[in-house]
Amino acid sequence: AIVRLYLAVWHDLPSAQRQVVYRHVQSCAQCQDELRVLQRSTQM
């Protein structure tokens, strides 16, 4: 739940926080789904 809050403001995060968030996303299928949805929504 906390990681998804950070995904919502991904482009505003400093590099250190992005690294922490990305490490979690790499190992979490649910957060990977969330990131894909956010990316596709932005692209749409």
All heavy atoms as atom14 arrays in JSON, in Angstrom:
{
  "sequence": "AIVRLYLAVWHDLPSAQRQVVYRHVQSCAQCQDELRVLQRSTQM",
  "atom14_mask": [
    [1, 1, 1, 1, 1, 0, 0, 0, 0, 0, 0, 0, 0, 0],
    [1, 1, 1, 1, 1, 1, 1, 1, 0, 0, 0, 0, 0, 0],
    [1, 1, 1, 1, 1, 1, 1, 0, 0, 0, 0, 0, 0, 0],
    [1, 1, 1, 1, 1, 1, 1, 1, 1, 1, 1, 0, 0, 0],
    [1, 1, 1, 1, 1, 1, 1, 1, 0, 0, 0, 0, 0, 0],
    [1, 1, 1, 1, 1, 1, 1, 1, 1, 1, 1, 1, 0, 0],
    [1, 1, 1, 1, 1, 1, 1, 1, 0, 0, 0, 0, 0, 0],
    [1, 1, 1, 1, 1, 0, 0, 0, 0, 0, 0, 0, 0, 0],
    [1, 1, 1, 1, 1, 1, 1, 0, 0, 0, 0, 0, 0, 0],
    [1, 1, 1, 1, 1, 1, 1, 1, 1, 1, 1, 1, 1, 1],
    [1, 1, 1, 1, 1, 1, 1, 1, 1, 1, 0, 0, 0, 0],
    [1, 1, 1, 1, 1, 1, 1, 1, 0, 0, 0, 0, 0, 0],
    [1, 1, 1, 1, 1, 1, 1, 1, 0, 0, 0, 0, 0, 0],
    [1, 1, 1, 1, 1, 1, 1, 0, 0, 0, 0, 0, 0, 0],
    [1, 1, 1, 1, 1, 1, 0, 0, 0, 0, 0, 0, 0, 0],
    [1, 1, 1, 1, 1, 0, 0, 0, 0, 0, 0, 0, 0, 0],
    [1, 1, 1, 1, 1, 1, 1, 1, 1, 0, 0, 0, 0, 0],
    [1, 1, 1, 1, 1, 1, 1, 1, 1, 1, 1, 0, 0, 0],
    [1, 1, 1, 1, 1, 1, 1, 1, 1, 0, 0, 0, 0, 0],
    [1, 1, 1, 1, 1, 1, 1, 0, 0, 0, 0, 0, 0, 0],
    [1, 1, 1, 1, 1, 1, 1, 0, 0, 0, 0, 0, 0, 0],
    [1, 1, 1, 1, 1, 1, 1, 1, 1, 1, 1, 1, 0, 0],
    [1, 1, 1, 1, 1, 1, 1, 1, 1, 1, 1, 0, 0, 0],
    [1, 1, 1, 1, 1, 1, 1, 1, 1, 1, 0, 0, 0, 0],
    [1, 1, 1, 1, 1, 1, 1, 0, 0, 0, 0, 0, 0, 0],
    [1, 1, 1, 1, 1, 1, 1, 1, 1, 0, 0, 0, 0, 0],
    [1, 1, 1, 1, 1, 1, 0, 0, 0, 0, 0, 0, 0, 0],
    [1, 1, 1, 1, 1, 1, 0, 0, 0, 0, 0, 0, 0, 0],
    [1, 1, 1, 1, 1, 0, 0, 0, 0, 0, 0, 0, 0, 0],
    [1, 1, 1, 1, 1, 1, 1, 1, 1, 0, 0, 0, 0, 0],
    [1, 1, 1, 1, 1, 1, 0, 0, 0, 0, 0, 0, 0, 0],
    [1, 1, 1, 1, 1, 1, 1, 1, 1, 0, 0, 0, 0, 0],
    [1, 1, 1, 1, 1, 1, 1, 1, 0, 0, 0, 0, 0, 0],
    [1, 1, 1, 1, 1, 1, 1, 1, 1, 0, 0, 0, 0, 0],
    [1, 1, 1, 1, 1, 1, 1, 1, 0, 0, 0, 0, 0, 0],
    [1, 1, 1, 1, 1, 1, 1, 1, 1, 1, 1, 0, 0, 0],
    [1, 1, 1, 1, 1, 1, 1, 0, 0, 0, 0, 0, 0, 0],
    [1, 1, 1, 1, 1, 1, 1, 1, 0, 0, 0, 0, 0, 0],
    [1, 1, 1, 1, 1, 1, 1, 1, 1, 0, 0, 0, 0, 0],
    [1, 1, 1, 1, 1, 1, 1, 1, 1, 1, 1, 0, 0, 0],
    [1, 1, 1, 1, 1, 1, 0, 0, 0, 0, 0, 0, 0, 0],
    [1, 1, 1, 1, 1, 1, 1, 0, 0, 0, 0, 0, 0, 0],
    [1, 1, 1, 1, 1, 1, 1, 1, 1, 0, 0, 0, 0, 0],
    [1, 1, 1, 1, 1, 1, 1, 1, 0, 0, 0, 0, 0, 0]
  ],
  "atom14_positions": [
    [[0.83, -1.21, 0.0], [0.0, 0.0, 0.0], [0.86, 1.26, 0.0], [0.57, 2.24, -0.7], [-0.93, -0.02, 1.21], [0.0, 0.0, 0.0], [0.0, 0.0, 0.0], [0.0, 0.0, 0.0], [0.0, 0.0, 0.0], [0.0, 0.0, 0.0], [0.0, 0.0, 0.0], [0.0, 0.0, 0.0], [0.0, 0.0, 0.0], [0.0, 0.0, 0.0]],
    [[1.96, 1.24, 0.78], [2.85, 2.4, 0.82], [3.6, 2.56, -0.5], [3.72, 3.66, -1.05], [3.83, 2.27, 2.0], [3.07, 2.33, 3.33], [4.89, 3.36, 1.95], [3.94, 2.07, 4.55], [0.0, 0.0, 0.0], [0.0, 0.0, 0.0], [0.0, 0.0, 0.0], [0.0, 0.0, 0.0], [0.0, 0.0, 0.0], [0.0, 0.0, 0.0]],
    [[4.09, 1.44, -1.05], [4.84, 1.5, -2.31], [3.96, 2.05, -3.43], [4.42, 2.85, -4.26], [5.37, 0.1, -2.68], [5.87, 0.07, -4.12], [6.49, -0.31, -1.74], [0.0, 0.0, 0.0], [0.0, 0.0, 0.0], [0.0, 0.0, 0.0], [0.0, 0.0, 0.0], [0.0, 0.0, 0.0], [0.0, 0.0, 0.0], [0.0, 0.0, 0.0]],
    [[2.69, 1.71, -3.43], [1.8, 2.19, -4.5], [1.55, 3.69, -4.39], [1.31, 4.35, -5.39], [0.49, 1.4, -4.47], [0.69, -0.04, -4.9], [-0.52, -0.91, -4.68], [-0.18, -2.31, -4.91], [-1.03, -3.31, -4.73], [-2.27, -3.07, -4.33], [-0.65, -4.55, -4.96], [0.0, 0.0, 0.0], [0.0, 0.0, 0.0], [0.0, 0.0, 0.0]],
    [[1.61, 4.23, -3.18], [1.51, 5.68, -3.03], [2.71, 6.36, -3.7], [2.58, 7.39, -4.35], [1.45, 6.06, -1.55], [0.18, 5.65, -0.78], [0.33, 5.99, 0.7], [-1.05, 6.34, -1.36], [0.0, 0.0, 0.0], [0.0, 0.0, 0.0], [0.0, 0.0, 0.0], [0.0, 0.0, 0.0], [0.0, 0.0, 0.0], [0.0, 0.0, 0.0]],
    [[3.88, 5.75, -3.53], [5.08, 6.31, -4.15], [5.05, 6.14, -5.67], [5.55, 6.99, -6.41], [6.33, 5.65, -3.57], [6.74, 6.22, -2.23], [6.12, 5.81, -1.06], [7.74, 7.18, -2.12], [6.47, 6.32, 0.18], [8.12, 7.7, -0.9], [7.47, 7.27, 0.26], [7.84, 7.8, 1.48], [0.0, 0.0, 0.0], [0.0, 0.0, 0.0]],
    [[4.47, 5.03, -6.15], [4.37, 4.84, -7.6], [3.52, 5.94, -8.24], [3.77, 6.36, -9.37], [3.76, 3.47, -7.9], [4.65, 2.25, -7.66], [3.88, 0.97, -7.92], [5.89, 2.3, -8.55], [0.0, 0.0, 0.0], [0.0, 0.0, 0.0], [0.0, 0.0, 0.0], [0.0, 0.0, 0.0], [0.0, 0.0, 0.0], [0.0, 0.0, 0.0]],
    [[2.52, 6.41, -7.5], [1.63, 7.43, -8.04], [2.34, 8.75, -8.27], [1.9, 9.56, -9.09], [0.43, 7.63, -7.11], [0.0, 0.0, 0.0], [0.0, 0.0, 0.0], [0.0, 0.0, 0.0], [0.0, 0.0, 0.0], [0.0, 0.0, 0.0], [0.0, 0.0, 0.0], [0.0, 0.0, 0.0], [0.0, 0.0, 0.0], [0.0, 0.0, 0.0]],
    [[3.44, 9.0, -7.55], [4.21, 10.25, -7.73], [5.64, 9.91, -8.16], [6.59, 10.6, -7.79], [4.21, 11.09, -6.43], [2.82, 11.6, -6.13], [4.74, 10.27, -5.25], [0.0, 0.0, 0.0], [0.0, 0.0, 0.0], [0.0, 0.0, 0.0], [0.0, 0.0, 0.0], [0.0, 0.0, 0.0], [0.0, 0.0, 0.0], [0.0, 0.0, 0.0]],
    [[5.78, 8.86, -8.96], [7.08, 8.33, -9.35], [8.01, 9.39, -9.9], [9.18, 9.48, -9.54], [6.85, 7.22, -10.38], [8.11, 6.66, -10.98], [8.69, 6.99, -12.16], [8.95, 5.65, -10.4], [9.82, 6.26, -12.38], [10.01, 5.42, -11.31], [8.93, 4.92, -9.21], [11.01, 4.5, -11.07], [9.92, 3.99, -8.98], [10.94, 3.8, -9.89]],
    [[7.51, 10.24, -10.8], [8.37, 11.21, -11.47], [8.81, 12.35, -10.53], [9.68, 13.14, -10.9], [7.67, 11.78, -12.69], [7.46, 10.76, -13.77], [8.49, 10.25, -14.53], [6.33, 10.12, -14.19], [8.02, 9.36, -15.38], [6.72, 9.27, -15.21], [0.0, 0.0, 0.0], [0.0, 0.0, 0.0], [0.0, 0.0, 0.0], [0.0, 0.0, 0.0]],
    [[8.21, 12.44, -9.36], [8.61, 13.47, -8.4], [9.58, 12.94, -7.35], [10.04, 13.7, -6.49], [7.37, 14.04, -7.69], [6.45, 14.78, -8.64], [6.98, 15.36, -9.61], [5.23, 14.78, -8.44], [0.0, 0.0, 0.0], [0.0, 0.0, 0.0], [0.0, 0.0, 0.0], [0.0, 0.0, 0.0], [0.0, 0.0, 0.0], [0.0, 0.0, 0.0]],
    [[9.89, 11.65, -7.4], [10.73, 11.05, -6.36], [12.21, 11.27, -6.67], [12.63, 11.23, -7.82], [10.46, 9.54, -6.28], [9.05, 9.1, -5.88], [8.96, 7.58, -5.87], [8.65, 9.66, -4.52], [0.0, 0.0, 0.0], [0.0, 0.0, 0.0], [0.0, 0.0, 0.0], [0.0, 0.0, 0.0], [0.0, 0.0, 0.0], [0.0, 0.0, 0.0]],
    [[13.02, 11.47, -5.64], [14.47, 11.5, -5.85], [14.98, 10.1, -6.2], [14.3, 9.1, -5.97], [15.01, 11.97, -4.49], [13.95, 11.63, -3.49], [12.63, 11.73, -4.23], [0.0, 0.0, 0.0], [0.0, 0.0, 0.0], [0.0, 0.0, 0.0], [0.0, 0.0, 0.0], [0.0, 0.0, 0.0], [0.0, 0.0, 0.0], [0.0, 0.0, 0.0]],
    [[16.19, 10.05, -6.73], [16.73, 8.79, -7.24], [16.82, 7.73, -6.15], [16.52, 6.55, -6.4], [18.12, 9.05, -7.84], [18.69, 7.84, -8.28], [0.0, 0.0, 0.0], [0.0, 0.0, 0.0], [0.0, 0.0, 0.0], [0.0, 0.0, 0.0], [0.0, 0.0, 0.0], [0.0, 0.0, 0.0], [0.0, 0.0, 0.0], [0.0, 0.0, 0.0]],
    [[17.19, 8.11, -4.93], [17.34, 7.12, -3.85], [16.02, 6.43, -3.55], [15.97, 5.2, -3.35], [17.89, 7.8, -2.6], [0.0, 0.0, 0.0], [0.0, 0.0, 0.0], [0.0, 0.0, 0.0], [0.0, 0.0, 0.0], [0.0, 0.0, 0.0], [0.0, 0.0, 0.0], [0.0, 0.0, 0.0], [0.0, 0.0, 0.0], [0.0, 0.0, 0.0]],
    [[14.93, 7.19, -3.5], [13.63, 6.59, -3.24], [13.17, 5.73, -4.4], [12.55, 4.68, -4.21], [12.6, 7.69, -2.94], [12.82, 8.38, -1.6], [11.72, 9.37, -1.28], [11.03, 9.88, -2.16], [11.56, 9.68, 0.0], [0.0, 0.0, 0.0], [0.0, 0.0, 0.0], [0.0, 0.0, 0.0], [0.0, 0.0, 0.0], [0.0, 0.0, 0.0]],
    [[13.49, 6.15, -5.63], [13.12, 5.33, -6.79], [13.8, 3.96, -6.72], [13.19, 2.94, -7.06], [13.52, 6.04, -8.08], [12.63, 7.21, -8.46], [12.97, 7.7, -9.86], [12.16, 8.83, -10.25], [12.17, 9.35, -11.47], [12.95, 8.84, -12.4], [11.41, 10.39, -11.77], [0.0, 0.0, 0.0], [0.0, 0.0, 0.0], [0.0, 0.0, 0.0]],
    [[15.05, 3.95, -6.29], [15.77, 2.69, -6.19], [15.09, 1.75, -5.21], [14.93, 0.55, -5.47], [17.23, 2.95, -5.76], [18.06, 3.71, -6.78], [18.51, 2.84, -7.94], [18.29, 1.64, -7.93], [19.12, 3.44, -8.94], [0.0, 0.0, 0.0], [0.0, 0.0, 0.0], [0.0, 0.0, 0.0], [0.0, 0.0, 0.0], [0.0, 0.0, 0.0]],
    [[14.67, 2.27, -4.06], [14.0, 1.45, -3.04], [12.68, 0.92, -3.57], [12.35, -0.27, -3.44], [13.78, 2.26, -1.75], [12.98, 1.44, -0.74], [15.11, 2.68, -1.15], [0.0, 0.0, 0.0], [0.0, 0.0, 0.0], [0.0, 0.0, 0.0], [0.0, 0.0, 0.0], [0.0, 0.0, 0.0], [0.0, 0.0, 0.0], [0.0, 0.0, 0.0]],
    [[11.89, 1.82, -4.2], [10.6, 1.4, -4.75], [10.78, 0.35, -5.83], [10.07, -0.66, -5.87], [9.84, 2.63, -5.3], [8.58, 2.2, -6.03], [9.48, 3.59, -4.17], [0.0, 0.0, 0.0], [0.0, 0.0, 0.0], [0.0, 0.0, 0.0], [0.0, 0.0, 0.0], [0.0, 0.0, 0.0], [0.0, 0.0, 0.0], [0.0, 0.0, 0.0]],
    [[11.76, 0.57, -6.72], [11.96, -0.36, -7.83], [12.38, -1.73, -7.33], [11.97, -2.76, -7.88], [13.01, 0.2, -8.79], [13.21, -0.66, -10.01], [12.24, -0.74, -11.0], [14.38, -1.4, -10.18], [12.41, -1.54, -12.11], [14.56, -2.2, -11.29], [13.58, -2.26, -12.26], [13.75, -3.05, -13.37], [0.0, 0.0, 0.0], [0.0, 0.0, 0.0]],
    [[13.2, -1.78, -6.28], [13.61, -3.1, -5.73], [12.4, -3.88, -5.25], [12.3, -5.09, -5.44], [14.61, -2.89, -4.59], [16.0, -2.51, -5.04], [16.99, -2.71, -3.91], [18.33, -2.31, -4.29], [19.4, -2.48, -3.53], [19.27, -3.04, -2.35], [20.59, -2.09, -3.95], [0.0, 0.0, 0.0], [0.0, 0.0, 0.0], [0.0, 0.0, 0.0]],
    [[11.46, -3.17, -4.59], [10.26, -3.86, -4.13], [9.43, -4.34, -5.32], [8.94, -5.48, -5.34], [9.42, -2.95, -3.23], [8.09, -3.56, -2.87], [7.92, -4.44, -1.82], [6.85, -3.41, -3.45], [6.65, -4.82, -1.77], [5.99, -4.21, -2.74], [0.0, 0.0, 0.0], [0.0, 0.0, 0.0], [0.0, 0.0, 0.0], [0.0, 0.0, 0.0]],
    [[9.26, -3.47, -6.32], [8.43, -3.81, -7.47], [8.98, -5.03, -8.2], [8.22, -5.87, -8.69], [8.32, -2.6, -8.42], [7.64, -2.99, -9.72], [7.55, -1.47, -7.75], [0.0, 0.0, 0.0], [0.0, 0.0, 0.0], [0.0, 0.0, 0.0], [0.0, 0.0, 0.0], [0.0, 0.0, 0.0], [0.0, 0.0, 0.0], [0.0, 0.0, 0.0]],
    [[10.31, -5.13, -8.28], [10.92, -6.27, -8.97], [10.52, -7.6, -8.35], [10.45, -8.62, -9.05], [12.44, -6.14, -8.95], [13.0, -5.24, -10.05], [14.51, -5.36, -10.15], [15.22, -5.25, -9.14], [15.02, -5.59, -11.34], [0.0, 0.0, 0.0], [0.0, 0.0, 0.0], [0.0, 0.0, 0.0], [0.0, 0.0, 0.0], [0.0, 0.0, 0.0]],
    [[10.25, -7.61, -7.05], [9.95, -8.86, -6.36], [8.48, -9.02, -6.01], [8.11, -9.97, -5.34], [10.8, -8.96, -5.08], [10.47, -7.89, -4.19], [0.0, 0.0, 0.0], [0.0, 0.0, 0.0], [0.0, 0.0, 0.0], [0.0, 0.0, 0.0], [0.0, 0.0, 0.0], [0.0, 0.0, 0.0], [0.0, 0.0, 0.0], [0.0, 0.0, 0.0]],
    [[7.62, -8.09, -6.45], [6.2, -8.11, -6.06], [5.34, -8.07, -7.31], [5.28, -7.03, -7.99], [5.89, -6.94, -5.14], [4.14, -6.85, -4.66], [0.0, 0.0, 0.0], [0.0, 0.0, 0.0], [0.0, 0.0, 0.0], [0.0, 0.0, 0.0], [0.0, 0.0, 0.0], [0.0, 0.0, 0.0], [0.0, 0.0, 0.0], [0.0, 0.0, 0.0]],
    [[4.65, -9.16, -7.6], [3.83, -9.23, -8.81], [2.68, -8.23, -8.77], [2.33, -7.62, -9.8], [3.28, -10.65, -8.99], [0.0, 0.0, 0.0], [0.0, 0.0, 0.0], [0.0, 0.0, 0.0], [0.0, 0.0, 0.0], [0.0, 0.0, 0.0], [0.0, 0.0, 0.0], [0.0, 0.0, 0.0], [0.0, 0.0, 0.0], [0.0, 0.0, 0.0]],
    [[2.06, -8.04, -7.58], [0.93, -7.12, -7.48], [1.36, -5.68, -7.77], [0.67, -4.94, -8.48], [0.28, -7.21, -6.09], [-0.45, -8.51, -5.82], [0.48, -9.65, -5.46], [1.66, -9.43, -5.19], [-0.04, -10.87, -5.47], [0.0, 0.0, 0.0], [0.0, 0.0, 0.0], [0.0, 0.0, 0.0], [0.0, 0.0, 0.0], [0.0, 0.0, 0.0]],
    [[2.51, -5.27, -7.25], [2.99, -3.91, -7.49], [3.49, -3.74, -8.92], [3.43, -2.64, -9.48], [4.08, -3.54, -6.49], [3.45, -3.32, -4.79], [0.0, 0.0, 0.0], [0.0, 0.0, 0.0], [0.0, 0.0, 0.0], [0.0, 0.0, 0.0], [0.0, 0.0, 0.0], [0.0, 0.0, 0.0], [0.0, 0.0, 0.0], [0.0, 0.0, 0.0]],
    [[3.96, -4.82, -9.52], [4.3, -4.76, -10.94], [3.06, -4.48, -11.77], [3.09, -3.67, -12.71], [4.95, -6.08, -11.38], [6.34, -6.31, -10.81], [6.82, -7.72, -11.02], [6.22, -8.5, -11.76], [7.92, -8.09, -10.36], [0.0, 0.0, 0.0], [0.0, 0.0, 0.0], [0.0, 0.0, 0.0], [0.0, 0.0, 0.0], [0.0, 0.0, 0.0]],
    [[1.95, -5.14, -11.43], [0.68, -4.87, -12.12], [0.29, -3.4, -11.96], [-0.14, -2.75, -12.91], [-0.43, -5.76, -11.56], [-0.27, -7.2, -12.0], [0.42, -7.44, -13.01], [-0.82, -8.09, -11.32], [0.0, 0.0, 0.0], [0.0, 0.0, 0.0], [0.0, 0.0, 0.0], [0.0, 0.0, 0.0], [0.0, 0.0, 0.0], [0.0, 0.0, 0.0]],
    [[0.43, -2.89, -10.74], [0.06, -1.5, -10.48], [0.91, -0.54, -11.32], [0.4, 0.42, -11.9], [0.25, -1.21, -8.99], [-0.19, 0.19, -8.57], [-1.69, 0.31, -8.44], [-2.38, -0.74, -8.45], [-2.19, 1.44, -8.34], [0.0, 0.0, 0.0], [0.0, 0.0, 0.0], [0.0, 0.0, 0.0], [0.0, 0.0, 0.0], [0.0, 0.0, 0.0]],
    [[2.22, -0.81, -11.38], [3.11, 0.05, -12.16], [2.76, -0.01, -13.64], [2.74, 1.02, -14.33], [4.56, -0.38, -11.94], [5.62, 0.41, -12.73], [5.55, 1.89, -12.39], [7.0, -0.14, -12.45], [0.0, 0.0, 0.0], [0.0, 0.0, 0.0], [0.0, 0.0, 0.0], [0.0, 0.0, 0.0], [0.0, 0.0, 0.0], [0.0, 0.0, 0.0]],
    [[2.45, -1.19, -14.15], [2.09, -1.32, -15.57], [0.82, -0.51, -15.89], [0.74, 0.15, -16.91], [1.85, -2.79, -15.91], [3.01, -3.74, -15.73], [4.15, -3.5, -16.7], [5.05, -2.45, -16.25], [5.98, -2.61, -15.32], [6.15, -3.76, -14.71], [6.77, -1.62, -14.99], [0.0, 0.0, 0.0], [0.0, 0.0, 0.0], [0.0, 0.0, 0.0]],
    [[-0.16, -0.57, -14.98], [-1.4, 0.17, -15.2], [-1.13, 1.67, -15.22], [-1.64, 2.4, -16.08], [-2.44, -0.17, -14.1], [-3.63, 0.77, -14.17], [-2.91, -1.61, -14.27], [0.0, 0.0, 0.0], [0.0, 0.0, 0.0], [0.0, 0.0, 0.0], [0.0, 0.0, 0.0], [0.0, 0.0, 0.0], [0.0, 0.0, 0.0], [0.0, 0.0, 0.0]],
    [[-0.32, 2.14, -14.28], [0.0, 3.57, -14.24], [0.73, 4.0, -15.5], [0.45, 5.05, -16.08], [0.85, 3.88, -13.0], [0.14, 3.78, -11.65], [1.14, 3.9, -10.51], [-0.92, 4.86, -11.52], [0.0, 0.0, 0.0], [0.0, 0.0, 0.0], [0.0, 0.0, 0.0], [0.0, 0.0, 0.0], [0.0, 0.0, 0.0], [0.0, 0.0, 0.0]],
    [[1.69, 3.19, -15.96], [2.44, 3.53, -17.16], [1.53, 3.55, -18.39], [1.6, 4.45, -19.22], [3.59, 2.54, -17.37], [4.71, 2.69, -16.34], [5.77, 1.63, -16.5], [5.53, 0.54, -17.04], [6.97, 1.91, -16.01], [0.0, 0.0, 0.0], [0.0, 0.0, 0.0], [0.0, 0.0, 0.0], [0.0, 0.0, 0.0], [0.0, 0.0, 0.0]],
    [[0.68, 2.52, -18.51], [-0.2, 2.48, -19.67], [-1.21, 3.62, -19.64], [-1.53, 4.21, -20.68], [-0.91, 1.11, -19.73], [-1.9, 0.98, -20.9], [-1.27, 1.27, -22.24], [-0.22, 0.34, -22.59], [-0.43, -0.79, -23.26], [-1.64, -1.09, -23.67], [0.58, -1.58, -23.55], [0.0, 0.0, 0.0], [0.0, 0.0, 0.0], [0.0, 0.0, 0.0]],
    [[-1.71, 3.97, -18.45], [-2.64, 5.09, -18.36], [-1.99, 6.38, -18.83], [-2.58, 7.17, -19.57], [-3.13, 5.24, -16.91], [-3.79, 4.09, -16.47], [0.0, 0.0, 0.0], [0.0, 0.0, 0.0], [0.0, 0.0, 0.0], [0.0, 0.0, 0.0], [0.0, 0.0, 0.0], [0.0, 0.0, 0.0], [0.0, 0.0, 0.0], [0.0, 0.0, 0.0]],
    [[-0.73, 6.6, -18.4], [0.01, 7.79, -18.83], [0.18, 7.79, -20.34], [0.0, 8.82, -21.01], [1.38, 7.84, -18.15], [1.19, 7.88, -16.73], [2.15, 9.08, -18.58], [0.0, 0.0, 0.0], [0.0, 0.0, 0.0], [0.0, 0.0, 0.0], [0.0, 0.0, 0.0], [0.0, 0.0, 0.0], [0.0, 0.0, 0.0], [0.0, 0.0, 0.0]],
    [[0.53, 6.64, -20.91], [0.72, 6.56, -22.36], [-0.57, 6.8, -23.11], [-0.59, 7.45, -24.16], [1.29, 5.19, -22.73], [2.69, 4.94, -22.2], [3.01, 3.48, -22.05], [2.3, 2.62, -22.59], [4.05, 3.18, -21.31], [0.0, 0.0, 0.0], [0.0, 0.0, 0.0], [0.0, 0.0, 0.0], [0.0, 0.0, 0.0], [0.0, 0.0, 0.0]],
    [[-1.7, 6.3, -22.57], [-2.99, 6.51, -23.23], [-3.36, 7.98, -23.26], [-3.84, 8.51, -24.26], [-4.08, 5.69, -22.52], [-3.94, 4.19, -22.71], [-5.12, 3.26, -21.7], [-6.66, 3.76, -22.44], [0.0, 0.0, 0.0], [0.0, 0.0, 0.0], [0.0, 0.0, 0.0], [0.0, 0.0, 0.0], [0.0, 0.0, 0.0], [0.0, 0.0, 0.0]]
  ]
}
